[in-house]
Every structure is written in C-alpha cells, then in structure tokens.
Amino acid sequence: MSDAKVPHGERERKDERYEVEIRVDWVSGQMFVSDHVTNIGKGGLFIQSQRPLPAQGEVEMVLWLPGKSPVHATGRVVWNADPSRAAGQPLGGAGLSFIDMHPADRALLHDYLRDLSDRKPARGH
C-alpha cells in the first residue's frame, strides 16, 4: 500500500514520537503565530493550530522546551489537518519535518527527547 493511502497516525515512522504540550512560535511569510506542539520526535512534530500552515512551505520555529533553552529550527509542512474539512481529524494543525537546525539546537532537542524516552511514544499525528 502506498504511503499516500495510509492515515497519518498509522504511518511507519523512522523515529518515535512523544505526546507533549510545548509552546511554539512560528513564522511564515508575514505571519507570526504562537501555538502548541502536541507530539514531537527527532524527525519532526505536529503543531496544533487554527491557522493554516503553508502547504509544503518552510516555517521558522522556536520551540520552548520545558527546562531547556529555546530551540530554533526550520521545518517543512508535510501535511495539514483541518477539522472543518477532514472527517476524523480531531485537531487543526500541521505535521512538519525538520529540515534545518543548528547542531547545538539539535543536541538540546535530542536531550529533551531522551528525557521523554521513559514515556510511551505517541501514536497520532
């Protein structure tokens, strides 16, 4: 079965995802928004948002990891979830893959994910 036919929450992932509630500030074009990340892994995250993120667009982000310095990253929107148009999608928002991150920021993210590793990985988004 092709990846396009598999629901987003059931795709095989290279890295584990963890359910979280992290503030994220993101910028795309002239739009600056504060939202929340609801799950995260080494390769990407899901931003819960009522604002549409640009399809296949790049987004500059600041992740406010609890107890750590802010992490700056660039992500690419891989898919959007609009609950008003997509049956079965409980949240509006978007899935992003990380495409650029300074090595020091990546180390902070990996430390944070290691701290979460005792928790059960998330299934959704």
C-alpha atoms as a PDB file:
ATOM      1  CA  MET A   1       0.000   0.000   0.000  1.00  0.00           C
ATOM      2  CA  SER A   2       1.406   3.424  -0.889  1.00  0.00           C
ATOM      3  CA  ASP A   3       2.171   5.909   1.870  1.00  0.00           C
ATOM      4  CA  ALA A   4      -0.444   8.323   0.487  1.00  0.00           C
ATOM      5  CA  LYS A   5      -3.266   5.890   1.316  1.00  0.00           C
ATOM      6  CA  VAL A   6      -2.224   5.245   4.916  1.00  0.00           C
ATOM      7  CA  PRO A   7      -3.805   7.532   7.554  1.00  0.00           C
ATOM      8  CA  HIS A   8      -1.269   9.924   9.078  1.00  0.00           C
ATOM      9  CA  GLY A   9      -1.451   8.335  12.534  1.00  0.00           C
ATOM     10  CA  GLU A  10      -0.695   4.883  11.187  1.00  0.00           C
ATOM     11  CA  ARG A  11       2.351   5.546   9.000  1.00  0.00           C
ATOM     12  CA  GLU A  12       5.561   3.840   9.973  1.00  0.00           C
ATOM     13  CA  ARG A  13       7.991   6.350  11.414  1.00  0.00           C
ATOM     14  CA  LYS A  14      11.736   6.213  11.468  1.00  0.00           C
ATOM     15  CA  ASP A  15      11.811   7.827  14.929  1.00  0.00           C
ATOM     16  CA  GLU A  16       9.489   7.593  17.915  1.00  0.00           C
ATOM     17  CA  ARG A  17       7.067  10.438  18.604  1.00  0.00           C
ATOM     18  CA  TYR A  18       6.113  11.645  22.072  1.00  0.00           C
ATOM     19  CA  GLU A  19       2.928  13.336  23.221  1.00  0.00           C
ATOM     20  CA  VAL A  20       3.807  16.752  24.626  1.00  0.00           C
ATOM     21  CA  GLU A  21       2.454  20.235  25.118  1.00  0.00           C
ATOM     22  CA  ILE A  22       5.196  22.639  24.088  1.00  0.00           C
ATOM     23  CA  ARG A  23       4.741  26.259  23.143  1.00  0.00           C
ATOM     24  CA  VAL A  24       5.987  27.017  19.642  1.00  0.00           C
ATOM     25  CA  ASP A  25       6.329  30.382  17.954  1.00  0.00           C
ATOM     26  CA  TRP A  26       6.341  30.064  14.181  1.00  0.00           C
ATOM     27  CA  VAL A  27       6.799  32.440  11.288  1.00  0.00           C
ATOM     28  CA  SER A  28       5.829  32.007   7.675  1.00  0.00           C
ATOM     29  CA  GLY A  29       5.938  34.977   5.343  1.00  0.00           C
ATOM     30  CA  GLN A  30       4.434  37.923   7.231  1.00  0.00           C
ATOM     31  CA  MET A  31       2.544  35.734   9.738  1.00  0.00           C
ATOM     32  CA  PHE A  32       3.834  35.258  13.325  1.00  0.00           C
ATOM     33  CA  VAL A  33       1.841  32.788  15.455  1.00  0.00           C
ATOM     34  CA  SER A  34       2.165  31.192  18.910  1.00  0.00           C
ATOM     35  CA  ASP A  35       0.689  27.684  19.077  1.00  0.00           C
ATOM     36  CA  HIS A  36       1.434  24.337  20.707  1.00  0.00           C
ATOM     37  CA  VAL A  37       3.269  21.227  19.610  1.00  0.00           C
ATOM     38  CA  THR A  38       1.270  18.138  20.592  1.00  0.00           C
ATOM     39  CA  ASN A  39       3.775  15.495  19.537  1.00  0.00           C
ATOM     40  CA  ILE A  40       7.433  15.524  18.621  1.00  0.00           C
ATOM     41  CA  GLY A  41      10.278  13.262  17.533  1.00  0.00           C
ATOM     42  CA  LYS A  42      13.770  13.592  16.081  1.00  0.00           C
ATOM     43  CA  GLY A  43      12.417  13.990  12.565  1.00  0.00           C
ATOM     44  CA  GLY A  44       9.504  16.353  13.089  1.00  0.00           C
ATOM     45  CA  LEU A  45       6.461  17.459  15.023  1.00  0.00           C
ATOM     46  CA  PHE A  46       2.757  18.288  14.904  1.00  0.00           C
ATOM     47  CA  ILE A  47       1.703  21.896  15.523  1.00  0.00           C
ATOM     48  CA  GLN A  48      -1.862  22.241  16.750  1.00  0.00           C
ATOM     49  CA  SER A  49      -3.170  25.418  15.152  1.00  0.00           C
ATOM     50  CA  GLN A  50      -6.344  27.040  13.955  1.00  0.00           C
ATOM     51  CA  ARG A  51      -4.244  28.977  11.418  1.00  0.00           C
ATOM     52  CA  PRO A  52      -3.355  27.183   8.208  1.00  0.00           C
ATOM     53  CA  LEU A  53       0.319  26.495   7.708  1.00  0.00           C
ATOM     54  CA  PRO A  54       1.591  26.841   4.136  1.00  0.00           C
ATOM     55  CA  ALA A  55       1.259  23.571   2.204  1.00  0.00           C
ATOM     56  CA  GLN A  56       4.782  22.255   1.540  1.00  0.00           C
ATOM     57  CA  GLY A  57       6.088  25.612   2.807  1.00  0.00           C
ATOM     58  CA  GLU A  58       9.005  26.309   5.103  1.00  0.00           C
ATOM     59  CA  VAL A  59       8.317  27.512   8.631  1.00  0.00           C
ATOM     60  CA  GLU A  60      10.799  29.092  11.044  1.00  0.00           C
ATOM     61  CA  MET A  61      10.111  27.902  14.606  1.00  0.00           C
ATOM     62  CA  VAL A  62      11.177  28.490  18.178  1.00  0.00           C
ATOM     63  CA  LEU A  63      10.365  25.537  20.445  1.00  0.00           C
ATOM     64  CA  TRP A  64      10.102  26.397  24.133  1.00  0.00           C
ATOM     65  CA  LEU A  65      11.207  23.072  25.632  1.00  0.00           C
ATOM     66  CA  PRO A  66      10.434  22.833  29.361  1.00  0.00           C
ATOM     67  CA  GLY A  67      13.555  23.352  31.462  1.00  0.00           C
ATOM     68  CA  LYS A  68      15.781  23.940  28.425  1.00  0.00           C
ATOM     69  CA  SER A  69      16.926  26.810  26.237  1.00  0.00           C
ATOM     70  CA  PRO A  70      14.701  27.646  23.258  1.00  0.00           C
ATOM     71  CA  VAL A  71      15.362  25.538  20.155  1.00  0.00           C
ATOM     72  CA  HIS A  72      15.374  27.264  16.775  1.00  0.00           C
ATOM     73  CA  ALA A  73      14.504  25.137  13.756  1.00  0.00           C
ATOM     74  CA  THR A  74      13.202  25.265  10.219  1.00  0.00           C
ATOM     75  CA  GLY A  75      10.534  22.791   9.203  1.00  0.00           C
ATOM     76  CA  ARG A  76       8.697  21.861   6.036  1.00  0.00           C
ATOM     77  CA  VAL A  77       4.935  21.366   6.174  1.00  0.00           C
ATOM     78  CA  VAL A  78       4.329  17.761   5.153  1.00  0.00           C
ATOM     79  CA  TRP A  79       0.571  17.661   5.708  1.00  0.00           C
ATOM     80  CA  ASN A  80      -2.256  19.809   7.070  1.00  0.00           C
ATOM     81  CA  ALA A  81      -5.222  18.772   9.201  1.00  0.00           C
ATOM     82  CA  ASP A  82      -8.289  20.999   9.039  1.00  0.00           C
ATOM     83  CA  PRO A  83     -11.074  19.518  11.210  1.00  0.00           C
ATOM     84  CA  SER A  84     -13.721  21.511   9.333  1.00  0.00           C
ATOM     85  CA  ARG A  85     -12.773  19.762   6.068  1.00  0.00           C
ATOM     86  CA  ALA A  86     -11.296  16.405   7.087  1.00  0.00           C
ATOM     87  CA  ALA A  87     -13.523  13.846   8.790  1.00  0.00           C
ATOM     88  CA  GLY A  88     -11.805  12.066  11.656  1.00  0.00           C
ATOM     89  CA  GLN A  89      -9.232  14.795  12.279  1.00  0.00           C
ATOM     90  CA  PRO A  90      -9.744  15.945  15.880  1.00  0.00           C
ATOM     91  CA  LEU A  91      -7.282  18.847  15.654  1.00  0.00           C
ATOM     92  CA  GLY A  92      -6.432  21.568  13.216  1.00  0.00           C
ATOM     93  CA  GLY A  93      -2.757  21.966  12.536  1.00  0.00           C
ATOM     94  CA  ALA A  94       0.082  20.548  10.526  1.00  0.00           C
ATOM     95  CA  GLY A  95       2.766  17.901  10.513  1.00  0.00           C
ATOM     96  CA  LEU A  96       6.239  19.250   9.816  1.00  0.00           C
ATOM     97  CA  SER A  97       9.567  17.592   9.193  1.00  0.00           C
ATOM     98  CA  PHE A  98      12.732  19.268  10.434  1.00  0.00           C
ATOM     99  CA  ILE A  99      14.881  20.452   7.521  1.00  0.00           C
ATOM    100  CA  ASP A 100      17.400  22.706   9.255  1.00  0.00           C
ATOM    101  CA  MET A 101      18.605  23.058  12.828  1.00  0.00           C
ATOM    102  CA  HIS A 102      21.877  24.284  14.314  1.00  0.00           C
ATOM    103  CA  PRO A 103      23.839  21.378  15.865  1.00  0.00           C
ATOM    104  CA  ALA A 104      23.555  22.930  19.367  1.00  0.00           C
ATOM    105  CA  ASP A 105      19.768  23.184  18.992  1.00  0.00           C
ATOM    106  CA  ARG A 106      19.604  19.613  17.692  1.00  0.00           C
ATOM    107  CA  ALA A 107      21.579  18.469  20.752  1.00  0.00           C
ATOM    108  CA  LEU A 108      19.081  20.257  23.048  1.00  0.00           C
ATOM    109  CA  LEU A 109      16.174  18.592  21.230  1.00  0.00           C
ATOM    110  CA  HIS A 110      17.797  15.156  21.459  1.00  0.00           C
ATOM    111  CA  ASP A 111      18.457  15.668  25.195  1.00  0.00           C
ATOM    112  CA  TYR A 112      14.805  16.590  25.688  1.00  0.00           C
ATOM    113  CA  LEU A 113      13.645  13.544  23.713  1.00  0.00           C
ATOM    114  CA  ARG A 114      15.970  11.321  25.746  1.00  0.00           C
ATOM    115  CA  ASP A 115      14.282  12.700  28.889  1.00  0.00           C
ATOM    116  CA  LEU A 116      10.924  11.678  27.393  1.00  0.00           C
ATOM    117  CA  SER A 117      12.098   8.214  26.375  1.00  0.00           C
ATOM    118  CA  ASP A 118      10.671   6.630  29.540  1.00  0.00           C
ATOM    119  CA  ARG A 119       7.227   7.729  28.400  1.00  0.00           C
ATOM    120  CA  LYS A 120       5.153   5.762  25.926  1.00  0.00           C
ATOM    121  CA  PRO A 121       5.602   7.050  22.334  1.00  0.00           C
ATOM    122  CA  ALA A 122       2.590   8.797  20.782  1.00  0.00           C
ATOM    123  CA  ARG A 123       0.530   7.090  18.079  1.00  0.00           C
ATOM    124  CA  GLY A 124      -1.216  10.047  16.486  1.00  0.00           C
ATOM    125  CA  HIS A 125      -0.470  12.815  14.028  1.00  0.00           C
END
